[in-house]
Amino acid sequence: MKLILAIVSNEDSSKVSSSLTKARFSVTKLATTGGFLMSGNTTFLIGVSDEKVDEVIKIIGEHSKKRTQMVPSSASYGVGMYSSYPIEVTIGGATIFVVDVERFEKL
């Protein structure tokens, strides 16, 4: 058995959740915040048999889209002078961890 931890943008969360549920996977959703942009994410916890891991990852990938966003940045010019200018970063997609489950009980 495996535990899949999938971190997905809030913008894609409902599509991912409904698609996984429609495919009959049990899903637990946690509200999380990313460290770089401090933006909202959803972390999914999904327990599956080893054979179902690829199916879950495929569903998540189909509904987690990457996009670009302009964010403020600052540059230092030495003598205490700073300039703020926007930079383009890629956001979205999914970050997925698959870990072995030693024991599972549903009480």
PDB file of N, CA and C in Angstrom:
ATOM      1  N   MET A   1       0.846  -1.178   0.000  1.00  0.00           N
ATOM      2  CA  MET A   1       0.000   0.000   0.000  1.00  0.00           C
ATOM      3  C   MET A   1       0.885   1.233   0.000  1.00  0.00           C
ATOM      4  N   LYS A   2       0.388   2.288  -0.629  1.00  0.00           N
ATOM      5  CA  LYS A   2       1.112   3.555  -0.738  1.00  0.00           C
ATOM      6  C   LYS A   2       0.244   4.701  -0.236  1.00  0.00           C
ATOM      7  N   LEU A   3       0.914   5.750   0.232  1.00  0.00           N
ATOM      8  CA  LEU A   3       0.254   7.013   0.566  1.00  0.00           C
ATOM      9  C   LEU A   3       0.785   8.044  -0.410  1.00  0.00           C
ATOM     10  N   ILE A   4      -0.127   8.665  -1.135  1.00  0.00           N
ATOM     11  CA  ILE A   4       0.240   9.718  -2.079  1.00  0.00           C
ATOM     12  C   ILE A   4      -0.092  11.055  -1.437  1.00  0.00           C
ATOM     13  N   LEU A   5       0.917  11.921  -1.365  1.00  0.00           N
ATOM     14  CA  LEU A   5       0.725  13.291  -0.900  1.00  0.00           C
ATOM     15  C   LEU A   5       0.887  14.174  -2.122  1.00  0.00           C
ATOM     16  N   ALA A   6      -0.166  14.859  -2.509  1.00  0.00           N
ATOM     17  CA  ALA A   6      -0.135  15.689  -3.719  1.00  0.00           C
ATOM     18  C   ALA A   6      -0.466  17.127  -3.347  1.00  0.00           C
ATOM     19  N   ILE A   7       0.473  18.032  -3.609  1.00  0.00           N
ATOM     20  CA  ILE A   7       0.279  19.455  -3.326  1.00  0.00           C
ATOM     21  C   ILE A   7      -0.131  20.118  -4.636  1.00  0.00           C
ATOM     22  N   VAL A   8      -1.320  20.712  -4.619  1.00  0.00           N
ATOM     23  CA  VAL A   8      -1.944  21.248  -5.828  1.00  0.00           C
ATOM     24  C   VAL A   8      -2.390  22.676  -5.559  1.00  0.00           C
ATOM     25  N   SER A   9      -2.321  23.530  -6.562  1.00  0.00           N
ATOM     26  CA  SER A   9      -2.810  24.905  -6.444  1.00  0.00           C
ATOM     27  C   SER A   9      -4.293  24.913  -6.104  1.00  0.00           C
ATOM     28  N   ASN A  10      -4.708  25.882  -5.307  1.00  0.00           N
ATOM     29  CA  ASN A  10      -6.131  26.013  -4.982  1.00  0.00           C
ATOM     30  C   ASN A  10      -6.989  26.168  -6.235  1.00  0.00           C
ATOM     31  N   GLU A  11      -6.427  26.759  -7.276  1.00  0.00           N
ATOM     32  CA  GLU A  11      -7.179  26.951  -8.518  1.00  0.00           C
ATOM     33  C   GLU A  11      -7.554  25.625  -9.176  1.00  0.00           C
ATOM     34  N   ASP A  12      -6.749  24.593  -8.953  1.00  0.00           N
ATOM     35  CA  ASP A  12      -6.993  23.287  -9.563  1.00  0.00           C
ATOM     36  C   ASP A  12      -7.611  22.287  -8.594  1.00  0.00           C
ATOM     37  N   SER A  13      -7.714  22.654  -7.348  1.00  0.00           N
ATOM     38  CA  SER A  13      -8.111  21.736  -6.280  1.00  0.00           C
ATOM     39  C   SER A  13      -9.462  21.063  -6.517  1.00  0.00           C
ATOM     40  N   SER A  14     -10.465  21.822  -6.887  1.00  0.00           N
ATOM     41  CA  SER A  14     -11.802  21.227  -7.034  1.00  0.00           C
ATOM     42  C   SER A  14     -11.855  20.246  -8.209  1.00  0.00           C
ATOM     43  N   LYS A  15     -11.154  20.553  -9.301  1.00  0.00           N
ATOM     44  CA  LYS A  15     -11.126  19.626 -10.444  1.00  0.00           C
ATOM     45  C   LYS A  15     -10.426  18.324 -10.071  1.00  0.00           C
ATOM     46  N   VAL A  16      -9.307  18.445  -9.366  1.00  0.00           N
ATOM     47  CA  VAL A  16      -8.564  17.256  -8.949  1.00  0.00           C
ATOM     48  C   VAL A  16      -9.412  16.422  -7.996  1.00  0.00           C
ATOM     49  N   SER A  17     -10.008  17.074  -7.017  1.00  0.00           N
ATOM     50  CA  SER A  17     -10.811  16.383  -6.011  1.00  0.00           C
ATOM     51  C   SER A  17     -11.990  15.650  -6.643  1.00  0.00           C
ATOM     52  N   SER A  18     -12.734  16.335  -7.500  1.00  0.00           N
ATOM     53  CA  SER A  18     -13.906  15.700  -8.098  1.00  0.00           C
ATOM     54  C   SER A  18     -13.514  14.561  -9.040  1.00  0.00           C
ATOM     55  N   SER A  19     -12.400  14.712  -9.755  1.00  0.00           N
ATOM     56  CA  SER A  19     -11.953  13.649 -10.660  1.00  0.00           C
ATOM     57  C   SER A  19     -11.495  12.412  -9.893  1.00  0.00           C
ATOM     58  N   LEU A  20     -10.789  12.618  -8.790  1.00  0.00           N
ATOM     59  CA  LEU A  20     -10.358  11.480  -7.973  1.00  0.00           C
ATOM     60  C   LEU A  20     -11.553  10.779  -7.342  1.00  0.00           C
ATOM     61  N   THR A  21     -12.502  11.555  -6.847  1.00  0.00           N
ATOM     62  CA  THR A  21     -13.704  10.978  -6.233  1.00  0.00           C
ATOM     63  C   THR A  21     -14.529  10.226  -7.272  1.00  0.00           C
ATOM     64  N   LYS A  22     -14.642  10.795  -8.465  1.00  0.00           N
ATOM     65  CA  LYS A  22     -15.387  10.144  -9.553  1.00  0.00           C
ATOM     66  C   LYS A  22     -14.748   8.803  -9.920  1.00  0.00           C
ATOM     67  N   ALA A  23     -13.408   8.727  -9.816  1.00  0.00           N
ATOM     68  CA  ALA A  23     -12.693   7.483 -10.106  1.00  0.00           C
ATOM     69  C   ALA A  23     -12.693   6.547  -8.891  1.00  0.00           C
ATOM     70  N   ARG A  24     -13.446   6.900  -7.852  1.00  0.00           N
ATOM     71  CA  ARG A  24     -13.667   6.077  -6.665  1.00  0.00           C
ATOM     72  C   ARG A  24     -12.446   5.954  -5.747  1.00  0.00           C
ATOM     73  N   PHE A  25     -11.637   7.033  -5.695  1.00  0.00           N
ATOM     74  CA  PHE A  25     -10.536   7.085  -4.746  1.00  0.00           C
ATOM     75  C   PHE A  25     -10.975   7.904  -3.535  1.00  0.00           C
ATOM     76  N   SER A  26     -10.641   7.435  -2.351  1.00  0.00           N
ATOM     77  CA  SER A  26     -10.916   8.191  -1.129  1.00  0.00           C
ATOM     78  C   SER A  26      -9.825   9.243  -0.968  1.00  0.00           C
ATOM     79  N   VAL A  27     -10.241  10.467  -0.702  1.00  0.00           N
ATOM     80  CA  VAL A  27      -9.314  11.594  -0.667  1.00  0.00           C
ATOM     81  C   VAL A  27      -9.540  12.408   0.600  1.00  0.00           C
ATOM     82  N   THR A  28      -8.448  12.794   1.242  1.00  0.00           N
ATOM     83  CA  THR A  28      -8.505  13.749   2.346  1.00  0.00           C
ATOM     84  C   THR A  28      -7.813  15.017   1.876  1.00  0.00           C
ATOM     85  N   LYS A  29      -8.470  16.172   2.063  1.00  0.00           N
ATOM     86  CA  LYS A  29      -7.924  17.459   1.626  1.00  0.00           C
ATOM     87  C   LYS A  29      -7.482  18.268   2.836  1.00  0.00           C
ATOM     88  N   LEU A  30      -6.296  18.868   2.725  1.00  0.00           N
ATOM     89  CA  LEU A  30      -5.780  19.762   3.756  1.00  0.00           C
ATOM     90  C   LEU A  30      -5.484  21.115   3.119  1.00  0.00           C
ATOM     91  N   ALA A  31      -5.863  22.189   3.782  1.00  0.00           N
ATOM     92  CA  ALA A  31      -5.513  23.526   3.305  1.00  0.00           C
ATOM     93  C   ALA A  31      -4.077  23.813   3.736  1.00  0.00           C
ATOM     94  N   THR A  32      -3.222  24.156   2.757  1.00  0.00           N
ATOM     95  CA  THR A  32      -1.819  24.426   3.044  1.00  0.00           C
ATOM     96  C   THR A  32      -1.386  25.713   2.351  1.00  0.00           C
ATOM     97  N   THR A  33      -0.214  26.217   2.738  1.00  0.00           N
ATOM     98  CA  THR A  33       0.321  27.439   2.157  1.00  0.00           C
ATOM     99  C   THR A  33       1.737  27.185   1.687  1.00  0.00           C
ATOM    100  N   GLY A  34       2.034  27.613   0.469  1.00  0.00           N
ATOM    101  CA  GLY A  34       3.381  27.450  -0.077  1.00  0.00           C
ATOM    102  C   GLY A  34       4.351  28.421   0.571  1.00  0.00           C
ATOM    103  N   GLY A  35       5.606  28.046   0.610  1.00  0.00           N
ATOM    104  CA  GLY A  35       6.622  28.863   1.265  1.00  0.00           C
ATOM    105  C   GLY A  35       7.187  29.966   0.385  1.00  0.00           C
ATOM    106  N   PHE A  36       7.247  29.769  -0.935  1.00  0.00           N
ATOM    107  CA  PHE A  36       7.877  30.756  -1.810  1.00  0.00           C
ATOM    108  C   PHE A  36       6.962  31.952  -2.077  1.00  0.00           C
ATOM    109  N   LEU A  37       5.777  31.694  -2.592  1.00  0.00           N
ATOM    110  CA  LEU A  37       4.842  32.781  -2.906  1.00  0.00           C
ATOM    111  C   LEU A  37       3.826  33.018  -1.805  1.00  0.00           C
ATOM    112  N   MET A  38       3.852  32.160  -0.782  1.00  0.00           N
ATOM    113  CA  MET A  38       2.909  32.249   0.330  1.00  0.00           C
ATOM    114  C   MET A  38       1.462  32.213  -0.169  1.00  0.00           C
ATOM    115  N   SER A  39       1.223  31.421  -1.202  1.00  0.00           N
ATOM    116  CA  SER A  39      -0.123  31.320  -1.760  1.00  0.00           C
ATOM    117  C   SER A  39      -0.786  30.028  -1.304  1.00  0.00           C
ATOM    118  N   GLY A  40      -2.104  30.004  -1.410  1.00  0.00           N
ATOM    119  CA  GLY A  40      -2.866  28.856  -0.947  1.00  0.00           C
ATOM    120  C   GLY A  40      -2.719  27.638  -1.839  1.00  0.00           C
ATOM    121  N   ASN A  41      -2.601  26.504  -1.200  1.00  0.00           N
ATOM    122  CA  ASN A  41      -2.539  25.218  -1.888  1.00  0.00           C
ATOM    123  C   ASN A  41      -3.505  24.265  -1.207  1.00  0.00           C
ATOM    124  N   THR A  42      -3.720  23.138  -1.838  1.00  0.00           N
ATOM    125  CA  THR A  42      -4.436  22.029  -1.220  1.00  0.00           C
ATOM    126  C   THR A  42      -3.517  20.832  -1.264  1.00  0.00           C
ATOM    127  N   THR A  43      -3.370  20.166  -0.125  1.00  0.00           N
ATOM    128  CA  THR A  43      -2.593  18.941  -0.079  1.00  0.00           C
ATOM    129  C   THR A  43      -3.561  17.785   0.055  1.00  0.00           C
ATOM    130  N   PHE A  44      -3.484  16.861  -0.891  1.00  0.00           N
ATOM    131  CA  PHE A  44      -4.341  15.687  -0.892  1.00  0.00           C
ATOM    132  C   PHE A  44      -3.585  14.517  -0.278  1.00  0.00           C
ATOM    133  N   LEU A  45      -4.266  13.756   0.568  1.00  0.00           N
ATOM    134  CA  LEU A  45      -3.749  12.507   1.107  1.00  0.00           C
ATOM    135  C   LEU A  45      -4.595  11.394   0.515  1.00  0.00           C
ATOM    136  N   ILE A  46      -3.940  10.474  -0.199  1.00  0.00           N
ATOM    137  CA  ILE A  46      -4.666   9.427  -0.905  1.00  0.00           C
ATOM    138  C   ILE A  46      -3.968   8.099  -0.631  1.00  0.00           C
ATOM    139  N   GLY A  47      -4.670   7.178   0.008  1.00  0.00           N
ATOM    140  CA  GLY A  47      -4.139   5.848   0.248  1.00  0.00           C
ATOM    141  C   GLY A  47      -4.612   4.908  -0.839  1.00  0.00           C
ATOM    142  N   VAL A  48      -3.662   4.227  -1.514  1.00  0.00           N
ATOM    143  CA  VAL A  48      -4.017   3.337  -2.619  1.00  0.00           C
ATOM    144  C   VAL A  48      -3.137   2.096  -2.614  1.00  0.00           C
ATOM    145  N   SER A  49      -3.596   1.070  -3.312  1.00  0.00           N
ATOM    146  CA  SER A  49      -2.767  -0.114  -3.528  1.00  0.00           C
ATOM    147  C   SER A  49      -1.646   0.263  -4.492  1.00  0.00           C
ATOM    148  N   ASP A  50      -0.574  -0.497  -4.467  1.00  0.00           N
ATOM    149  CA  ASP A  50       0.585  -0.211  -5.321  1.00  0.00           C
ATOM    150  C   ASP A  50       0.202  -0.099  -6.795  1.00  0.00           C
ATOM    151  N   GLU A  51      -0.750  -0.920  -7.231  1.00  0.00           N
ATOM    152  CA  GLU A  51      -1.148  -0.945  -8.640  1.00  0.00           C
ATOM    153  C   GLU A  51      -1.894   0.308  -9.082  1.00  0.00           C
ATOM    154  N   LYS A  52      -2.455   1.060  -8.160  1.00  0.00           N
ATOM    155  CA  LYS A  52      -3.279   2.225  -8.497  1.00  0.00           C
ATOM    156  C   LYS A  52      -2.509   3.544  -8.485  1.00  0.00           C
ATOM    157  N   VAL A  53      -1.237   3.525  -8.092  1.00  0.00           N
ATOM    158  CA  VAL A  53      -0.461   4.763  -7.962  1.00  0.00           C
ATOM    159  C   VAL A  53      -0.404   5.522  -9.286  1.00  0.00           C
ATOM    160  N   ASP A  54      -0.078   4.857 -10.369  1.00  0.00           N
ATOM    161  CA  ASP A  54       0.040   5.532 -11.662  1.00  0.00           C
ATOM    162  C   ASP A  54      -1.287   6.141 -12.118  1.00  0.00           C
ATOM    163  N   GLU A  55      -2.386   5.463 -11.834  1.00  0.00           N
ATOM    164  CA  GLU A  55      -3.705   5.994 -12.204  1.00  0.00           C
ATOM    165  C   GLU A  55      -4.002   7.295 -11.464  1.00  0.00           C
ATOM    166  N   VAL A  56      -3.695   7.320 -10.164  1.00  0.00           N
ATOM    167  CA  VAL A  56      -3.923   8.535  -9.366  1.00  0.00           C
ATOM    168  C   VAL A  56      -3.048   9.679  -9.878  1.00  0.00           C
ATOM    169  N   ILE A  57      -1.771   9.398 -10.127  1.00  0.00           N
ATOM    170  CA  ILE A  57      -0.861  10.442 -10.610  1.00  0.00           C
ATOM    171  C   ILE A  57      -1.316  10.974 -11.963  1.00  0.00           C
ATOM    172  N   LYS A  58      -1.827  10.099 -12.823  1.00  0.00           N
ATOM    173  CA  LYS A  58      -2.331  10.532 -14.131  1.00  0.00           C
ATOM    174  C   LYS A  58      -3.517  11.485 -13.960  1.00  0.00           C
ATOM    175  N   ILE A  59      -4.445  11.148 -13.085  1.00  0.00           N
ATOM    176  CA  ILE A  59      -5.616  12.014 -12.845  1.00  0.00           C
ATOM    177  C   ILE A  59      -5.177  13.368 -12.311  1.00  0.00           C
ATOM    178  N   ILE A  60      -4.263  13.372 -11.356  1.00  0.00           N
ATOM    179  CA  ILE A  60      -3.782  14.645 -10.795  1.00  0.00           C
ATOM    180  C   ILE A  60      -3.113  15.479 -11.881  1.00  0.00           C
ATOM    181  N   GLY A  61      -2.275  14.840 -12.698  1.00  0.00           N
ATOM    182  CA  GLY A  61      -1.575  15.552 -13.770  1.00  0.00           C
ATOM    183  C   GLY A  61      -2.496  16.139 -14.817  1.00  0.00           C
ATOM    184  N   GLU A  62      -3.584  15.446 -15.107  1.00  0.00           N
ATOM    185  CA  GLU A  62      -4.542  15.939 -16.110  1.00  0.00           C
ATOM    186  C   GLU A  62      -5.271  17.196 -15.652  1.00  0.00           C
ATOM    187  N   HIS A  63      -5.362  17.408 -14.341  1.00  0.00           N
ATOM    188  CA  HIS A  63      -6.162  18.522 -13.827  1.00  0.00           C
ATOM    189  C   HIS A  63      -5.350  19.550 -13.052  1.00  0.00           C
ATOM    190  N   SER A  64      -4.032  19.453 -13.079  1.00  0.00           N
ATOM    191  CA  SER A  64      -3.149  20.417 -12.410  1.00  0.00           C
ATOM    192  C   SER A  64      -2.313  21.112 -13.473  1.00  0.00           C
ATOM    193  N   LYS A  65      -2.689  22.314 -13.799  1.00  0.00           N
ATOM    194  CA  LYS A  65      -2.041  23.023 -14.890  1.00  0.00           C
ATOM    195  C   LYS A  65      -1.017  24.034 -14.382  1.00  0.00           C
ATOM    196  N   LYS A  66       0.125  24.096 -15.090  1.00  0.00           N
ATOM    197  CA  LYS A  66       1.124  25.113 -14.783  1.00  0.00           C
ATOM    198  C   LYS A  66       0.724  26.405 -15.464  1.00  0.00           C
ATOM    199  N   ARG A  67       1.058  27.518 -14.833  1.00  0.00           N
ATOM    200  CA  ARG A  67       0.780  28.838 -15.394  1.00  0.00           C
ATOM    201  C   ARG A  67       1.868  29.782 -14.915  1.00  0.00           C
ATOM    202  N   THR A  68       1.961  30.948 -15.503  1.00  0.00           N
ATOM    203  CA  THR A  68       2.966  31.916 -15.066  1.00  0.00           C
ATOM    204  C   THR A  68       2.276  33.069 -14.352  1.00  0.00           C
ATOM    205  N   GLN A  69       3.031  33.712 -13.469  1.00  0.00           N
ATOM    206  CA  GLN A  69       2.493  34.828 -12.692  1.00  0.00           C
ATOM    207  C   GLN A  69       3.629  35.816 -12.458  1.00  0.00           C
ATOM    208  N   MET A  70       3.311  37.088 -12.486  1.00  0.00           N
ATOM    209  CA  MET A  70       4.291  38.128 -12.178  1.00  0.00           C
ATOM    210  C   MET A  70       4.274  38.372 -10.673  1.00  0.00           C
ATOM    211  N   VAL A  71       5.463  38.372 -10.071  1.00  0.00           N
ATOM    212  CA  VAL A  71       5.579  38.626  -8.636  1.00  0.00           C
ATOM    213  C   VAL A  71       6.632  39.699  -8.420  1.00  0.00           C
ATOM    214  N   PRO A  72       6.467  40.492  -7.356  1.00  0.00           N
ATOM    215  CA  PRO A  72       7.467  41.538  -7.094  1.00  0.00           C
ATOM    216  C   PRO A  72       8.790  40.925  -6.640  1.00  0.00           C
ATOM    217  N   SER A  73       9.860  41.553  -7.027  1.00  0.00           N
ATOM    218  CA  SER A  73      11.191  41.141  -6.606  1.00  0.00           C
ATOM    219  C   SER A  73      11.982  42.403  -6.312  1.00  0.00           C
ATOM    220  N   SER A  74      13.084  42.276  -5.599  1.00  0.00           N
ATOM    221  CA  SER A  74      13.909  43.456  -5.357  1.00  0.00           C
ATOM    222  C   SER A  74      15.355  43.125  -5.649  1.00  0.00           C
ATOM    223  N   ALA A  75      16.065  44.106  -6.134  1.00  0.00           N
ATOM    224  CA  ALA A  75      17.485  43.952  -6.427  1.00  0.00           C
ATOM    225  C   ALA A  75      18.253  45.005  -5.649  1.00  0.00           C
ATOM    226  N   SER A  76      19.401  44.645  -5.172  1.00  0.00           N
ATOM    227  CA  SER A  76      20.250  45.577  -4.430  1.00  0.00           C
ATOM    228  C   SER A  76      21.308  46.132  -5.365  1.00  0.00           C
ATOM    229  N   TYR A  77      21.501  47.446  -5.293  1.00  0.00           N
ATOM    230  CA  TYR A  77      22.524  48.095  -6.119  1.00  0.00           C
ATOM    231  C   TYR A  77      23.735  48.499  -5.287  1.00  0.00           C
ATOM    232  N   GLY A  78      23.959  47.809  -4.191  1.00  0.00           N
ATOM    233  CA  GLY A  78      25.121  48.147  -3.367  1.00  0.00           C
ATOM    234  C   GLY A  78      24.758  49.128  -2.285  1.00  0.00           C
ATOM    235  N   VAL A  79      25.212  50.272  -2.266  1.00  0.00           N
ATOM    236  CA  VAL A  79      25.120  51.338  -1.264  1.00  0.00           C
ATOM    237  C   VAL A  79      23.739  51.551  -0.642  1.00  0.00           C
ATOM    238  N   GLY A  80      23.045  50.467  -0.299  1.00  0.00           N
ATOM    239  CA  GLY A  80      21.757  50.594   0.376  1.00  0.00           C
ATOM    240  C   GLY A  80      20.604  50.958  -0.524  1.00  0.00           C
ATOM    241  N   MET A  81      20.786  50.928  -1.832  1.00  0.00           N
ATOM    242  CA  MET A  81      19.698  51.258  -2.755  1.00  0.00           C
ATOM    243  C   MET A  81      19.064  49.970  -3.262  1.00  0.00           C
ATOM    244  N   TYR A  82      17.745  49.936  -3.252  1.00  0.00           N
ATOM    245  CA  TYR A  82      17.006  48.769  -3.718  1.00  0.00           C
ATOM    246  C   TYR A  82      16.002  49.194  -4.769  1.00  0.00           C
ATOM    247  N   SER A  83      15.774  48.341  -5.717  1.00  0.00           N
ATOM    248  CA  SER A  83      14.774  48.595  -6.743  1.00  0.00           C
ATOM    249  C   SER A  83      13.834  47.396  -6.793  1.00  0.00           C
ATOM    250  N   SER A  84      12.563  47.675  -6.882  1.00  0.00           N
ATOM    251  CA  SER A  84      11.580  46.602  -6.973  1.00  0.00           C
ATOM    252  C   SER A  84      11.125  46.473  -8.421  1.00  0.00           C
ATOM    253  N   TYR A  85      11.150  45.263  -8.919  1.00  0.00           N
ATOM    254  CA  TYR A  85      10.688  45.028 -10.288  1.00  0.00           C
ATOM    255  C   TYR A  85      10.020  43.659 -10.332  1.00  0.00           C
ATOM    256  N   PRO A  86       9.036  43.484 -11.194  1.00  0.00           N
ATOM    257  CA  PRO A  86       8.344  42.196 -11.259  1.00  0.00           C
ATOM    258  C   PRO A  86       9.159  41.166 -12.043  1.00  0.00           C
ATOM    259  N   ILE A  87       9.042  39.909 -11.610  1.00  0.00           N
ATOM    260  CA  ILE A  87       9.632  38.812 -12.363  1.00  0.00           C
ATOM    261  C   ILE A  87       8.539  37.778 -12.621  1.00  0.00           C
ATOM    262  N   GLU A  88       8.696  37.039 -13.681  1.00  0.00           N
ATOM    263  CA  GLU A  88       7.717  36.018 -14.035  1.00  0.00           C
ATOM    264  C   GLU A  88       8.160  34.672 -13.469  1.00  0.00           C
ATOM    265  N   VAL A  89       7.238  34.007 -12.739  1.00  0.00           N
ATOM    266  CA  VAL A  89       7.539  32.691 -12.178  1.00  0.00           C
ATOM    267  C   VAL A  89       6.461  31.706 -12.628  1.00  0.00           C
ATOM    268  N   THR A  90       6.835  30.439 -12.692  1.00  0.00           N
ATOM    269  CA  THR A  90       5.888  29.384 -13.032  1.00  0.00           C
ATOM    270  C   THR A  90       5.250  28.871 -11.754  1.00  0.00           C
ATOM    271  N   ILE A  91       3.928  28.812 -11.741  1.00  0.00           N
ATOM    272  CA  ILE A  91       3.187  28.314 -10.591  1.00  0.00           C
ATOM    273  C   ILE A  91       2.257  27.198 -11.058  1.00  0.00           C
ATOM    274  N   GLY A  92       1.635  26.542 -10.117  1.00  0.00           N
ATOM    275  CA  GLY A  92       0.667  25.509 -10.457  1.00  0.00           C
ATOM    276  C   GLY A  92       1.341  24.169 -10.664  1.00  0.00           C
ATOM    277  N   GLY A  93       0.658  23.313 -11.379  1.00  0.00           N
ATOM    278  CA  GLY A  93       1.138  21.952 -11.514  1.00  0.00           C
ATOM    279  C   GLY A  93       0.884  21.215 -10.215  1.00  0.00           C
ATOM    280  N   ALA A  94       1.636  20.181  -9.973  1.00  0.00           N
ATOM    281  CA  ALA A  94       1.473  19.415  -8.740  1.00  0.00           C
ATOM    282  C   ALA A  94       2.826  18.914  -8.285  1.00  0.00           C
ATOM    283  N   THR A  95       3.000  18.856  -6.986  1.00  0.00           N
ATOM    284  CA  THR A  95       4.164  18.220  -6.379  1.00  0.00           C
ATOM    285  C   THR A  95       3.641  16.975  -5.678  1.00  0.00           C
ATOM    286  N   ILE A  96       4.191  15.817  -6.049  1.00  0.00           N
ATOM    287  CA  ILE A  96       3.638  14.547  -5.573  1.00  0.00           C
ATOM    288  C   ILE A  96       4.720  13.722  -4.885  1.00  0.00           C
ATOM    289  N   PHE A  97       4.377  13.209  -3.714  1.00  0.00           N
ATOM    290  CA  PHE A  97       5.233  12.284  -2.981  1.00  0.00           C
ATOM    291  C   PHE A  97       4.481  10.963  -2.849  1.00  0.00           C
ATOM    292  N   VAL A  98       5.170   9.865  -3.047  1.00  0.00           N
ATOM    293  CA  VAL A  98       4.580   8.540  -2.866  1.00  0.00           C
ATOM    294  C   VAL A  98       5.425   7.826  -1.816  1.00  0.00           C
ATOM    295  N   VAL A  99       4.786   7.428  -0.719  1.00  0.00           N
ATOM    296  CA  VAL A  99       5.515   6.781   0.371  1.00  0.00           C
ATOM    297  C   VAL A  99       4.869   5.435   0.708  1.00  0.00           C
ATOM    298  N   ASP A 100       5.694   4.514   1.166  1.00  0.00           N
ATOM    299  CA  ASP A 100       5.210   3.207   1.589  1.00  0.00           C
ATOM    300  C   ASP A 100       4.410   3.335   2.887  1.00  0.00           C
ATOM    301  N   VAL A 101       3.359   2.548   2.998  1.00  0.00           N
ATOM    302  CA  VAL A 101       2.557   2.503   4.221  1.00  0.00           C
ATOM    303  C   VAL A 101       2.817   1.145   4.881  1.00  0.00           C
ATOM    304  N   GLU A 102       3.337   1.203   6.070  1.00  0.00           N
ATOM    305  CA  GLU A 102       3.639  -0.035   6.788  1.00  0.00           C
ATOM    306  C   GLU A 102       2.370  -0.686   7.338  1.00  0.00           C
ATOM    307  N   ARG A 103       1.442   0.157   7.780  1.00  0.00           N
ATOM    308  CA  ARG A 103       0.211  -0.375   8.382  1.00  0.00           C
ATOM    309  C   ARG A 103      -0.929   0.600   8.114  1.00  0.00           C
ATOM    310  N   PHE A 104      -2.094   0.055   7.825  1.00  0.00           N
ATOM    311  CA  PHE A 104      -3.287   0.867   7.582  1.00  0.00           C
ATOM    312  C   PHE A 104      -4.458   0.236   8.324  1.00  0.00           C
ATOM    313  N   GLU A 105      -5.172   1.066   9.055  1.00  0.00           N
ATOM    314  CA  GLU A 105      -6.383   0.602   9.749  1.00  0.00           C
ATOM    315  C   GLU A 105      -7.458   1.654   9.603  1.00  0.00           C
ATOM    316  N   LYS A 106      -8.647   1.203   9.366  1.00  0.00           N
ATOM    317  CA  LYS A 106      -9.785   2.113   9.296  1.00  0.00           C
ATOM    318  C   LYS A 106     -10.759   1.651  10.384  1.00  0.00           C
ATOM    319  N   LEU A 107     -10.835   2.422  11.463  1.00  0.00           N
ATOM    320  CA  LEU A 107     -11.633   2.037  12.618  1.00  0.00           C
ATOM    321  C   LEU A 107     -12.964   2.754  12.642  1.00  0.00           C
TER     322      LEU A 107
END
